[in-house]
């Protein structure tokens, strides 16, 4: 039907007769001459209908309204002097139409295409109209480029694309499973995969050597800007490798993805240990587009005249005493904004927010009187403070201090406009703890129970590290993986430490444990969050913008009205009875 896409036309086509297809984006009648901006996936081009040239086409055009589907044929010509539109790719030309077909009419749209002031629930209800927005169309063009670059790169590196099951067995992987009842097997359930983790390990046991998949994953968890109940991973696994091998492949994939989008990134990425990033930035996914590290100063408060500060400082294994120096902060922070900062950190467990202002006449602030003059001098040097700066302090249980000081660091960078919005700052975080202690004192795997420990012989469980690695971009974890346990005796030992009995292990992981006894090779892998990568590449507002038909923050789909109630016949076939609950 078409000879060209709208935005592919330019000065090189002047004089050509072209056929175009698309939607009416805007309609204007200027003294009898009708102008229509025709829109397709590529962009816009201006159509001109002059009754002097073609009365029939002009008559049809006079009845066109927004979002009508049109097929037009005409000659490309240069726009008149002074009438060019520099905002359009096709702004130097227009098409004088000689024939027009209204292929389909449209009702008055409930939302204007591209109007982002409309509430998200309404836009998602009419997602097929929302997706006509050129900004969103560009996102999905980028997404297609990314997946194509991924497949090409991994194929060139010898990876085979293999699909793994969607209906599988429920396994504990950190989030709730979506369960699917079986009609055939009364009272039994499948689970939708949280990731292809176990199957990709089995593929390594199967001798495939290098696997990848652009995989759908499902997690029934609380949602936020960068989470959805169903999402997509770039999943890969390789045999006979170490961590450096996997990270090298990951960097090659990311480099090709960004190159496909016209962005050059430098490799290899910097590497930081988990301990380094937590102690300096309070996050295992720090945004390093700006500086603002914090430093430990607890040793300077051990002899403080404030008993609370001293008691915190005397237990460095459990507690932290962090100082965050903000260059030029004394001028930026007023009494009002200092109060707002304190209220902010209180929401995340802080009991207050102490600070020291560095003025011409010396250090001022509520903390100065609780530290000796000698230690104050050391503190200022350690924090790198000078006149005009302000130092914020966080003290208490280390996880809480890391969390609220890390959040404060990010908030200050945003408020003071310290972040380079056009930068892409990658880093690896390595040497993660193997285990973490829960609030009830129990132990759980920080990543998952199939991660290879690096020093399992250490007696203190909290000092055991894993051979795991996360890749971080601009404060978001965009991928993570590990070298896997390939020996059954190591896997059993890890299960023992996690309190997983032999019976429970056999019930949940028998197929993997059995496979590991049939000559499993050393192997490891990684999974990228495809949606997060696209969100960052396109500077989208949320992950929902980069998924064609996303769920809302309440995990509903306004377009299809899912989830919905099943009818009695379906429930009877599945042997399910819905129990009413009181509201």
Protein backbone atom coordinates (compact mmCIF):
# COMPACT_ATOMS: atom_id res chain seq x y z
CA UNK A 1 0.00 0.00 0.00
CA UNK A 2 2.84 2.41 0.80
CA UNK A 3 5.94 3.41 -1.09
CA UNK A 4 7.59 5.15 1.88
CA UNK A 5 7.22 5.67 5.60
CA UNK A 6 6.25 9.26 6.38
CA UNK A 7 9.46 10.40 8.08
CA UNK A 8 11.68 8.71 5.49
CA UNK A 9 10.79 11.45 3.01
CA UNK A 10 13.13 14.39 2.53
CA UNK A 11 14.54 16.80 -0.01
CA UNK A 12 15.92 13.84 -1.96
CA UNK A 13 12.33 12.85 -2.80
CA UNK A 14 11.20 16.21 -4.22
CA UNK A 15 9.31 15.60 -7.46
CA UNK A 16 8.52 11.95 -6.69
CA UNK A 17 4.98 10.57 -6.52
CA UNK A 18 4.61 8.65 -3.24
CA UNK A 19 2.00 6.52 -1.48
CA UNK A 20 1.67 6.96 2.28
CA UNK A 21 -0.40 5.26 4.99
CA UNK A 22 -1.10 6.34 8.55
CA UNK A 23 -3.29 8.25 10.97
CA UNK A 24 -4.46 11.84 10.95
CA UNK A 25 -2.44 13.48 13.69
CA UNK A 26 -3.80 17.02 13.21
CA UNK A 27 -6.19 18.71 10.75
CA UNK A 28 -6.10 22.40 9.74
CA UNK A 29 -8.16 24.37 7.22
CA UNK A 30 -6.34 27.56 6.12
CA UNK A 31 -8.69 29.52 3.90
CA UNK A 32 -9.82 26.58 1.83
CA UNK A 33 -6.51 24.74 1.66
CA UNK A 34 -6.53 21.76 4.05
CA UNK A 35 -3.39 20.58 5.83
CA UNK A 36 -3.17 17.17 7.51
CA UNK A 37 -0.18 15.92 9.47
CA UNK A 38 -0.05 12.22 8.64
CA UNK A 39 1.54 10.02 11.31
CA UNK A 40 2.97 6.53 11.13
CA UNK A 41 5.56 4.68 13.17
CA UNK A 42 8.39 6.71 11.68
CA UNK A 43 6.97 10.18 12.40
CA UNK A 44 4.99 12.93 10.66
CA UNK A 45 4.73 14.47 7.21
CA UNK A 46 2.50 17.32 6.10
CA UNK A 47 -0.15 16.58 3.47
CA UNK A 48 -1.60 19.47 1.44
CA UNK A 49 -5.07 19.39 -0.15
CA UNK A 50 -5.64 22.27 -2.58
CA UNK A 51 -9.00 22.35 -4.37
CA UNK A 52 -7.23 23.89 -7.38
CA UNK A 53 -5.15 20.74 -7.82
CA UNK A 54 -7.63 18.00 -6.83
CA UNK A 55 -11.14 18.89 -5.80
CA UNK A 56 -12.15 15.31 -4.93
CA UNK A 57 -9.20 14.73 -2.56
CA UNK A 58 -9.86 18.14 -1.00
CA UNK A 59 -13.53 17.25 -0.40
CA UNK A 60 -12.61 13.96 1.29
CA UNK A 61 -9.92 15.67 3.39
CA UNK A 62 -12.44 18.24 4.62
CA UNK A 63 -14.31 15.46 6.43
CA UNK A 64 -11.22 13.88 8.06
CA UNK A 65 -10.81 14.07 11.83
CA UNK A 66 -8.12 13.06 14.33
CA UNK A 67 -7.05 9.39 14.23
CA UNK A 68 -8.79 8.57 10.94
CA UNK A 69 -6.81 5.94 9.03
CA UNK A 70 -5.72 7.39 5.67
CA UNK A 71 -4.07 6.24 2.46
CA UNK A 72 -2.73 9.14 0.40
CA UNK A 73 -0.98 9.48 -2.93
CA UNK A 74 0.71 12.65 -4.11
CA UNK A 75 3.83 14.49 -5.20
CA UNK A 76 6.60 15.60 -2.83
CA UNK A 77 7.45 19.29 -3.06
CA UNK A 78 9.54 21.82 -1.17
CA UNK A 79 7.70 23.93 1.37
CA UNK A 80 7.30 27.61 0.61
CA UNK A 81 9.93 30.08 1.79
CA UNK A 82 9.56 30.82 5.50
CA UNK A 83 7.15 27.87 5.96
CA UNK A 84 9.70 25.22 6.93
CA UNK A 85 9.26 23.47 10.29
CA UNK A 86 12.65 22.81 11.93
CA UNK A 87 10.97 20.70 14.63
CA UNK A 88 10.04 18.02 12.09
CA UNK A 89 12.42 15.66 10.34
CA UNK A 90 10.27 16.25 7.23
CA UNK A 91 9.97 19.97 7.93
CA UNK A 92 11.45 21.08 4.58
CA UNK A 93 8.98 19.22 2.38
CA UNK A 94 5.28 18.44 2.05
CA UNK A 95 3.12 16.19 -0.11
CA UNK A 96 0.55 17.70 -2.48
CA UNK A 97 -2.14 15.00 -2.45
CA UNK A 98 -3.87 13.88 -5.64
CA UNK A 99 -5.90 11.01 -4.15
CA UNK A 100 -7.07 10.21 -0.62
CA UNK A 101 -8.82 7.16 0.83
CA UNK A 102 -10.34 7.14 4.31
CA UNK A 103 -9.58 3.52 5.12
CA UNK A 104 -11.25 3.72 8.51
CA UNK A 105 -12.91 6.34 10.66
CA UNK A 106 -12.30 6.83 14.38
CA UNK A 107 -14.56 7.72 17.25
CA UNK A 108 -13.50 10.83 19.14
CA UNK A 109 -10.53 9.48 21.14
CA UNK A 110 -11.03 9.44 24.94
CA UNK A 111 -7.40 10.57 25.28
CA UNK A 112 -5.33 12.75 22.98
CA UNK A 113 -2.35 10.88 21.59
CA UNK A 114 0.77 12.10 23.38
CA UNK A 115 -1.07 13.92 26.18
CA UNK A 116 0.89 12.73 29.22
CA UNK A 117 -1.09 14.95 31.58
CA UNK A 118 -3.81 12.28 31.48
CA UNK A 119 -3.72 9.96 34.50
CA UNK A 120 -1.83 6.70 34.05
CA UNK A 121 -4.84 4.49 34.82
CA UNK A 122 -6.78 6.13 31.99
CA UNK A 123 -3.85 5.88 29.59
CA UNK A 124 -3.41 2.19 30.44
CA UNK A 125 -7.12 1.55 29.91
CA UNK A 126 -6.69 2.88 26.37
CA UNK A 127 -3.14 1.62 25.98
CA UNK A 128 -3.59 1.00 22.24
CA UNK A 129 -4.14 4.75 21.85
CA UNK A 130 -1.43 5.67 24.35
CA UNK A 131 1.06 3.58 22.38
CA UNK A 132 0.52 5.79 19.33
CA UNK A 133 2.49 8.43 21.23
CA UNK A 134 5.72 9.00 19.22
CA UNK A 135 7.74 8.99 22.46
CA UNK A 136 6.47 5.53 23.35
CA UNK A 137 6.89 4.30 19.77
CA UNK A 138 10.54 5.37 19.96
CA UNK A 139 10.94 3.39 23.19
CA UNK A 140 9.76 0.19 21.52
CA UNK A 141 11.96 0.80 18.49
CA UNK A 142 14.86 1.04 20.97
CA UNK A 143 13.69 -2.12 22.74
CA UNK A 144 13.69 -4.00 19.45
CA UNK A 145 17.23 -2.78 18.67
CA UNK A 146 18.39 -3.91 22.12
CA UNK A 147 16.99 -7.44 21.83
CA UNK A 148 18.39 -7.79 18.30
CA UNK A 149 21.84 -6.61 19.41
CA UNK A 150 21.70 -9.03 22.35
CA UNK A 151 20.86 -12.01 20.16
CA UNK A 152 23.52 -11.12 17.60
CA UNK A 153 26.27 -10.64 20.20
CA UNK A 154 25.54 -13.77 22.18
CA UNK A 155 25.18 -15.86 19.02
CA UNK A 156 28.56 -14.56 17.83
CA UNK A 157 30.03 -15.59 21.21
CA UNK A 158 28.78 -19.16 20.78
CA UNK A 159 25.66 -19.04 22.95
CA UNK A 160 22.61 -21.13 21.96
CA UNK A 161 19.12 -19.72 22.47
CA UNK A 162 17.05 -22.28 24.37
CA UNK A 163 13.54 -21.85 25.80
CA UNK A 164 12.76 -23.13 29.30
CA UNK A 165 9.33 -23.99 30.78
CA UNK A 166 6.76 -21.45 31.92
CA UNK A 167 4.74 -24.02 33.87
CA UNK A 168 7.13 -25.41 36.45
CA UNK A 169 7.54 -26.28 40.14
CA UNK A 170 7.39 -23.77 42.96
CA UNK A 171 10.86 -23.16 44.45
CA UNK A 172 11.92 -20.65 47.12
CA UNK A 173 13.71 -17.83 45.24
CA UNK A 174 12.97 -14.79 47.38
CA UNK A 175 9.53 -13.66 46.20
CA UNK A 176 6.06 -15.20 46.12
CA UNK A 177 5.28 -17.50 43.22
CA UNK A 178 2.30 -17.15 40.94
CA UNK A 179 0.53 -20.50 41.23
CA UNK A 180 -1.40 -22.18 38.42
CA UNK A 181 -3.88 -24.90 39.44
CA UNK A 182 -3.78 -28.20 37.53
CA UNK A 183 -7.08 -29.49 36.18
CA UNK A 184 -5.65 -32.96 35.59
CA UNK A 185 -3.86 -33.37 38.92
CA UNK A 186 -6.43 -32.63 41.60
CA UNK A 187 -5.16 -30.29 44.32
CA UNK A 188 -1.75 -29.75 42.72
CA UNK A 189 -0.25 -26.58 41.28
CA UNK A 190 2.32 -25.40 38.81
CA UNK A 191 4.26 -22.19 39.44
CA UNK A 192 5.24 -19.53 36.96
CA UNK A 193 9.05 -19.15 37.02
CA UNK A 194 10.61 -16.32 39.02
CA UNK A 195 13.63 -16.93 36.76
CA UNK A 196 14.97 -19.81 34.65
CA UNK A 197 17.66 -20.40 37.30
CA UNK A 198 17.35 -24.15 37.83
CA UNK A 199 16.70 -25.00 34.20
CA UNK A 200 19.71 -23.08 32.93
CA UNK A 201 21.88 -24.96 35.41
CA UNK A 202 20.40 -28.21 34.10
CA UNK A 203 21.26 -27.12 30.56
CA UNK A 204 24.89 -26.80 31.65
CA UNK A 205 24.72 -30.32 33.09
CA UNK A 206 23.26 -31.33 29.71
CA UNK A 207 26.43 -30.17 27.96
CA UNK A 208 25.05 -27.16 26.04
CA UNK A 209 28.09 -25.16 27.24
CA UNK A 210 26.62 -21.71 26.52
CA UNK A 211 22.91 -20.84 26.81
CA UNK A 212 20.90 -17.66 26.57
CA UNK A 213 17.25 -16.71 26.53
CA UNK A 214 15.19 -13.53 26.56
CA UNK A 215 12.93 -14.92 29.24
CA UNK A 216 9.64 -13.95 30.82
CA UNK A 217 9.76 -14.06 34.63
CA UNK A 218 7.00 -13.73 37.21
CA UNK A 219 7.12 -12.54 40.82
CA UNK A 220 4.18 -11.81 43.07
CA UNK A 221 5.75 -8.92 44.99
CA UNK A 222 4.98 -5.34 45.92
CA UNK A 223 5.42 -3.07 42.92
CA UNK A 224 7.32 0.17 42.42
CA UNK A 225 8.73 2.26 39.56
CA UNK A 226 11.23 -0.39 38.47
CA UNK A 227 9.18 -3.54 39.24
CA UNK A 228 6.37 -5.40 37.49
CA UNK A 229 4.70 -8.75 38.28
CA UNK A 230 5.86 -10.04 34.88
CA UNK A 231 9.12 -8.81 33.44
CA UNK A 232 11.82 -9.82 30.98
CA UNK A 233 15.36 -11.00 31.62
CA UNK A 234 18.30 -11.45 29.29
CA UNK A 235 19.38 -14.74 30.82
CA UNK A 236 22.70 -16.45 30.13
CA UNK A 237 24.77 -19.31 31.51
CA UNK A 238 28.14 -20.78 30.55
CA UNK A 239 30.25 -23.79 31.52
CA UNK A 240 33.92 -24.09 32.41
CA UNK A 241 34.15 -20.42 33.38
CA UNK A 242 35.09 -18.17 36.24
CA UNK A 243 33.58 -14.85 37.36
CA UNK A 244 35.88 -12.83 35.08
CA UNK A 245 34.67 -14.82 32.06
CA UNK A 246 31.01 -14.13 32.83
CA UNK A 247 31.61 -10.44 33.51
CA UNK A 248 33.55 -10.15 30.25
CA UNK A 249 30.60 -11.57 28.29
CA UNK A 250 28.19 -9.28 30.17
CA UNK A 251 30.27 -6.21 29.29
CA UNK A 252 30.37 -7.27 25.62
CA UNK A 253 26.56 -7.57 25.59
CA UNK A 254 26.07 -4.18 27.24
CA UNK A 255 28.58 -2.55 24.90
CA UNK A 256 26.71 -3.88 21.84
CA UNK A 257 23.35 -2.82 23.29
CA UNK A 258 24.47 0.75 23.87
CA UNK A 259 26.29 0.90 20.52
CA UNK A 260 23.05 -0.13 18.81
CA UNK A 261 21.45 2.92 20.43
CA UNK A 262 24.26 5.26 19.36
CA UNK A 263 25.96 5.40 22.75
CA UNK A 264 29.61 4.49 23.29
CA UNK A 265 30.54 3.05 26.67
CA UNK A 266 33.99 2.18 27.99
CA UNK A 267 34.89 -1.29 29.25
CA UNK A 268 35.98 -2.88 31.50
CA UNK A 269 33.78 -1.42 34.23
CA UNK A 270 35.20 -0.46 37.62
CA UNK A 271 34.80 -3.06 40.36
CA UNK A 272 33.93 -2.44 44.00
CA UNK A 273 33.44 -4.92 46.80
CA UNK A 274 30.09 -5.10 48.56
CA UNK A 275 31.82 -3.87 51.71
CA UNK A 276 33.29 -0.86 49.89
CA UNK A 277 29.99 0.36 48.45
CA UNK A 278 28.01 -0.19 51.64
CA UNK A 279 30.59 1.60 53.79
CA UNK A 280 31.00 4.53 51.34
CA UNK A 281 27.54 4.89 49.77
CA UNK A 282 25.11 2.90 51.93
CA UNK A 283 23.84 0.94 48.92
CA UNK A 284 24.83 -2.14 46.94
CA UNK A 285 23.70 -0.28 43.83
CA UNK A 286 25.23 3.18 44.25
CA UNK A 287 24.76 5.99 41.76
CA UNK A 288 28.31 7.14 40.99
CA UNK A 289 27.39 9.92 38.57
CA UNK A 290 28.23 12.18 41.51
CA UNK A 291 30.75 11.89 44.34
CA UNK A 292 29.48 12.37 47.93
CA UNK A 293 30.95 9.31 49.70
CA UNK A 294 30.66 9.07 53.44
CA UNK A 295 33.43 8.01 55.84
CA UNK A 296 33.53 6.14 59.13
CA UNK A 297 34.33 8.35 62.14
CA UNK A 298 33.22 6.12 65.02
CA UNK A 299 36.75 5.84 66.39
CA UNK A 300 36.72 9.60 66.99
CA UNK A 301 33.65 9.35 69.27
CA UNK A 302 34.72 6.43 71.48
CA UNK A 303 35.67 8.93 74.21
CA UNK A 304 32.82 11.34 73.47
CA UNK A 305 31.21 13.16 76.37
CA UNK A 306 27.86 12.06 74.95
CA UNK A 307 27.16 8.59 76.37
CA UNK A 308 24.89 7.58 73.47
CA UNK A 309 27.52 8.50 70.86
CA UNK A 310 30.24 6.75 72.85
CA UNK A 311 28.23 3.53 73.27
CA UNK A 312 27.50 3.42 69.53
CA UNK A 313 31.15 4.01 68.66
CA UNK A 314 32.39 1.30 71.04
CA UNK A 315 30.62 -1.49 69.10
CA UNK A 316 32.00 -1.19 65.52
CA UNK A 317 30.93 -4.73 64.56
CA UNK A 318 27.26 -3.93 65.11
CA UNK A 319 27.18 -0.14 64.62
CA UNK A 320 28.36 2.58 62.28
CA UNK A 321 29.10 6.29 62.75
CA UNK A 322 29.16 7.91 59.30
CA UNK A 323 30.06 11.43 58.19
CA UNK A 324 28.84 12.82 54.86
CA UNK A 325 30.57 16.03 53.74
CA UNK A 326 28.57 18.16 51.29
CA UNK A 327 30.76 20.66 49.46
CA UNK A 328 29.15 24.11 49.50
CA UNK A 329 26.34 22.71 51.63
CA UNK A 330 26.47 25.37 54.35
CA UNK A 331 25.20 27.93 51.84
CA UNK A 332 22.61 25.60 50.32
CA UNK A 333 21.02 24.31 53.54
CA UNK A 334 18.80 26.71 55.46
CA UNK A 335 17.18 26.01 58.80
CA UNK A 336 14.08 24.93 56.89
CA UNK A 337 15.88 22.51 54.55
CA UNK A 338 17.91 21.11 57.47
CA UNK A 339 14.61 20.32 59.18
CA UNK A 340 13.30 18.68 56.00
CA UNK A 341 16.44 16.55 55.75
CA UNK A 342 15.99 15.38 59.33
CA UNK A 343 12.34 14.48 58.72
CA UNK A 344 13.41 12.59 55.61
CA UNK A 345 15.91 10.33 57.39
CA UNK A 346 13.55 9.76 60.33
CA UNK A 347 11.22 7.94 57.88
CA UNK A 348 13.97 5.33 57.43
CA UNK A 349 14.82 4.69 61.05
CA UNK A 350 17.09 7.59 62.02
CA UNK A 351 16.57 9.06 65.47
CA UNK A 352 17.82 12.44 64.27
CA UNK A 353 20.33 14.09 61.95
CA UNK A 354 23.35 15.77 63.51
CA UNK A 355 25.52 18.12 61.46
CA UNK A 356 28.56 20.41 61.62
CA UNK A 357 28.78 23.61 59.56
CA UNK A 358 32.24 24.75 58.51
CA UNK A 359 32.31 28.54 58.77
CA UNK A 360 35.11 31.10 58.52
CA UNK A 361 35.26 31.33 62.30
CA UNK A 362 35.35 27.53 62.72
CA UNK A 363 33.15 24.46 63.04
CA UNK A 364 29.65 25.09 64.38
CA UNK A 365 26.83 22.70 65.20
CA UNK A 366 25.32 20.47 67.88
CA UNK A 367 28.01 17.78 67.55
CA UNK A 368 31.03 20.03 68.14
CA UNK A 369 30.70 20.06 71.91
CA UNK A 370 30.75 16.26 72.09
CA UNK A 371 34.13 15.75 70.39
CA UNK A 372 37.61 16.80 71.46
CA UNK A 373 39.38 19.53 69.55
CA UNK A 374 42.08 17.10 68.37
CA UNK A 375 39.53 14.58 67.13
CA UNK A 376 37.50 17.34 65.47
CA UNK A 377 40.56 18.31 63.45
CA UNK A 378 41.06 14.68 62.36
CA UNK A 379 37.35 14.43 61.49
CA UNK A 380 37.47 17.48 59.22
CA UNK A 381 40.55 16.14 57.45
CA UNK A 382 39.05 12.67 57.03
CA UNK A 383 35.80 14.08 55.65
CA UNK A 384 37.67 16.47 53.34
CA UNK A 385 35.78 19.44 54.74
CA UNK A 386 36.61 23.10 54.18
CA UNK A 387 34.96 26.46 54.75
CA UNK A 388 31.43 26.58 53.28
CA UNK A 389 30.80 22.84 53.65
CA UNK A 390 28.39 20.99 55.91
CA UNK A 391 28.90 17.51 57.37
CA UNK A 392 25.91 15.28 58.17
CA UNK A 393 26.22 12.37 60.60
CA UNK A 394 24.46 9.06 60.93
CA UNK A 395 24.99 6.82 63.95
CA UNK A 396 23.47 3.55 65.08
CA UNK A 397 22.88 -0.03 63.89
CA UNK A 398 24.85 -0.43 60.67
CA UNK A 399 22.07 -1.60 58.32
CA UNK A 400 19.83 1.28 59.37
CA UNK A 401 22.64 3.85 59.11
CA UNK A 402 23.72 2.55 55.70
CA UNK A 403 20.14 2.77 54.46
CA UNK A 404 19.18 6.26 55.58
CA UNK A 405 22.56 7.82 54.90
CA UNK A 406 22.54 6.28 51.42
CA UNK A 407 19.08 7.71 50.79
CA UNK A 408 20.16 11.09 52.17
CA UNK A 409 23.16 11.08 49.83
CA UNK A 410 20.88 10.51 46.85
CA UNK A 411 18.38 13.15 47.97
CA UNK A 412 21.10 15.78 48.45
CA UNK A 413 22.48 15.06 44.96
CA UNK A 414 19.01 15.52 43.45
CA UNK A 415 18.19 18.64 45.47
CA UNK A 416 21.56 20.28 44.69
CA UNK A 417 21.44 19.19 41.03
CA UNK A 418 24.72 17.29 41.28
CA UNK A 419 23.71 14.47 38.91
CA UNK A 420 24.81 14.48 35.26
CA UNK A 421 21.57 13.33 33.61
CA UNK A 422 23.37 12.40 30.38
CA UNK A 423 26.02 10.20 31.98
CA UNK A 424 25.99 6.41 32.07
CA UNK A 425 28.05 5.20 35.02
CA UNK A 426 28.56 1.43 35.17
CA UNK A 427 30.22 -0.53 37.94
CA UNK A 428 30.48 -4.08 39.20
CA UNK A 429 29.74 -4.93 42.82
CA UNK A 430 31.51 -8.15 43.86
CA UNK A 431 32.37 -10.18 46.97
CA UNK A 432 28.84 -10.25 48.35
CA UNK A 433 28.16 -11.96 51.68
CA UNK A 434 26.88 -15.49 51.12
CA UNK A 435 24.31 -15.21 53.91
CA UNK A 436 22.36 -12.53 55.70
CA UNK A 437 20.83 -12.66 59.16
CA UNK A 438 17.10 -12.00 59.35
CA UNK A 439 15.33 -10.02 62.07
CA UNK A 440 14.34 -13.26 63.80
CA UNK A 441 17.98 -14.41 63.91
CA UNK A 442 17.64 -16.99 61.16
CA UNK A 443 20.01 -17.15 58.16
CA UNK A 444 19.02 -16.83 54.51
CA UNK A 445 20.93 -16.69 51.23
CA UNK A 446 21.64 -13.11 50.14
CA UNK A 447 21.30 -14.09 46.47
CA UNK A 448 20.07 -17.68 46.16
CA UNK A 449 21.14 -21.02 47.68
CA UNK A 450 22.88 -22.20 44.48
CA UNK A 451 25.60 -19.51 44.62
CA UNK A 452 29.15 -20.80 45.06
CA UNK A 453 30.72 -19.68 48.37
CA UNK A 454 34.30 -18.45 48.16
CA UNK A 455 35.36 -19.29 51.74
CA UNK A 456 32.96 -21.85 53.16
CA UNK A 457 35.54 -22.94 55.74
CA UNK A 458 35.13 -19.69 57.74
CA UNK A 459 33.36 -20.30 61.06
CA UNK A 460 31.52 -16.96 61.26
CA UNK A 461 28.64 -17.30 58.77
CA UNK A 462 28.45 -13.55 58.27
CA UNK A 463 32.06 -13.54 57.04
CA UNK A 464 31.45 -16.12 54.28
CA UNK A 465 31.45 -14.50 50.84
CA UNK A 466 29.91 -15.72 47.60
CA UNK A 467 31.29 -15.66 44.08
CA UNK A 468 28.53 -13.28 43.01
CA UNK A 469 28.51 -10.07 40.99
CA UNK A 470 25.98 -7.35 40.21
CA UNK A 471 26.27 -4.80 37.41
CA UNK A 472 24.94 -1.37 38.38
CA UNK A 473 24.02 1.57 36.16
CA UNK A 474 23.14 5.02 37.55
CA UNK A 475 21.87 3.66 40.85
CA UNK A 476 19.94 0.69 39.42
CA UNK A 477 20.97 -2.94 39.53
CA UNK A 478 20.54 -3.93 35.86
CA UNK A 479 22.00 -7.42 36.15
CA UNK A 480 23.36 -9.93 38.54
CA UNK A 481 24.70 -13.44 38.68
CA UNK A 482 27.16 -15.82 40.23
CA UNK A 483 29.29 -18.88 39.80
CA UNK A 484 27.03 -21.77 40.74
CA UNK A 485 27.57 -24.70 43.05
CA UNK A 486 28.28 -27.71 40.82
CA UNK A 487 29.24 -30.23 43.50
CA UNK A 488 26.52 -32.00 45.43
CA UNK A 489 28.47 -32.03 48.72
CA UNK A 490 28.91 -28.22 48.67
CA UNK A 491 25.23 -27.75 47.83
CA UNK A 492 24.21 -30.00 50.72
CA UNK A 493 26.50 -28.09 53.10
CA UNK A 494 24.92 -24.77 52.08
CA UNK A 495 21.44 -26.22 52.60
CA UNK A 496 22.51 -27.34 56.08
CA UNK A 497 23.71 -23.83 56.96
CA UNK A 498 20.41 -22.39 55.71
CA UNK A 499 18.45 -24.81 57.86
CA UNK A 500 17.02 -26.62 54.85
CA UNK A 501 16.57 -30.25 55.85
CA UNK A 502 17.43 -33.15 53.56
CA UNK A 503 13.71 -33.89 53.26
CA UNK A 504 12.88 -30.28 52.31
CA UNK A 505 15.81 -30.14 49.88
CA UNK A 506 14.68 -33.36 48.22
CA UNK A 507 11.10 -32.12 48.03
CA UNK A 508 12.00 -28.79 46.42
CA UNK A 509 15.25 -29.42 44.54
CA UNK A 510 15.56 -33.18 44.06
CA UNK A 511 15.89 -32.91 40.28
CA UNK A 512 18.79 -30.42 40.59
CA UNK A 513 20.55 -32.27 43.41
CA UNK A 514 20.31 -35.50 41.43
CA UNK A 515 21.63 -33.82 38.27
CA UNK A 516 24.67 -32.47 40.12
CA UNK A 517 25.72 -36.09 40.75
CA UNK A 518 26.00 -36.89 37.04
CA UNK A 519 29.14 -35.00 36.10
CA UNK A 520 28.01 -31.38 36.41
CA UNK A 521 30.63 -28.99 34.97
CA UNK A 522 31.72 -25.81 36.75
CA UNK A 523 29.36 -23.12 35.52
CA UNK A 524 28.06 -19.63 36.14
CA UNK A 525 25.88 -17.00 34.60
CA UNK A 526 24.04 -13.75 34.85
CA UNK A 527 20.68 -12.22 34.11
CA UNK A 528 20.04 -8.65 32.95
CA UNK A 529 16.79 -6.84 33.67
CA UNK A 530 15.85 -5.94 30.10
CA UNK A 531 13.05 -3.58 31.14
CA UNK A 532 15.32 -1.63 33.50
CA UNK A 533 17.99 -1.26 30.81
CA UNK A 534 15.41 0.13 28.37
CA UNK A 535 14.02 2.46 31.06
CA UNK A 536 17.48 3.92 31.66
CA UNK A 537 18.41 4.09 27.96
CA UNK A 538 15.20 5.95 27.11
CA UNK A 539 15.11 8.02 30.31
CA UNK A 540 11.56 6.79 30.81
CA UNK A 541 9.45 7.82 33.78
CA UNK A 542 8.96 4.22 34.99
CA UNK A 543 9.36 0.63 33.93
CA UNK A 544 5.70 0.66 32.85
CA UNK A 545 6.55 2.97 29.94
CA UNK A 546 8.83 0.35 28.39
CA UNK A 547 6.44 -2.62 28.62
CA UNK A 548 3.80 -2.76 25.90
CA UNK A 549 0.91 -3.75 28.16
CA UNK A 550 2.03 -3.25 31.79
CA UNK A 551 0.19 -3.66 35.06
CA UNK A 552 -0.57 -0.78 37.40
CA UNK A 553 1.05 -0.37 40.83
CA UNK A 554 -1.82 -2.50 42.16
CA UNK A 555 -0.91 -5.30 39.68
CA UNK A 556 -4.07 -4.81 37.62
CA UNK A 557 -4.56 -4.33 33.87
CA UNK A 558 -7.16 -1.60 33.20
CA UNK A 559 -7.22 -2.54 29.51
CA UNK A 560 -8.35 -6.16 29.95
CA UNK A 561 -9.71 -5.80 33.50
CA UNK A 562 -7.36 -8.50 34.77
CA UNK A 563 -7.32 -10.15 37.22
CA UNK A 564 -10.99 -11.10 37.08
CA UNK A 565 -13.35 -13.55 38.75
CA UNK A 566 -13.43 -17.09 37.32
CA UNK A 567 -16.82 -18.63 36.68
CA UNK A 568 -18.16 -21.55 38.72
CA UNK A 569 -17.60 -24.10 35.96
CA UNK A 570 -13.90 -23.21 35.64
CA UNK A 571 -13.44 -23.37 39.41
CA UNK A 572 -15.23 -26.73 39.59
CA UNK A 573 -12.94 -28.19 36.89
CA UNK A 574 -9.92 -27.04 38.89
CA UNK A 575 -11.34 -28.35 42.18
CA UNK A 576 -11.16 -24.85 43.68
CA UNK A 577 -13.60 -23.23 46.07
CA UNK A 578 -13.23 -19.50 46.72
CA UNK A 579 -13.56 -18.64 50.39
CA UNK A 580 -15.25 -15.34 51.16
CA UNK A 581 -13.30 -13.02 53.43
CA UNK A 582 -14.66 -10.26 55.63
CA UNK A 583 -13.62 -6.74 54.67
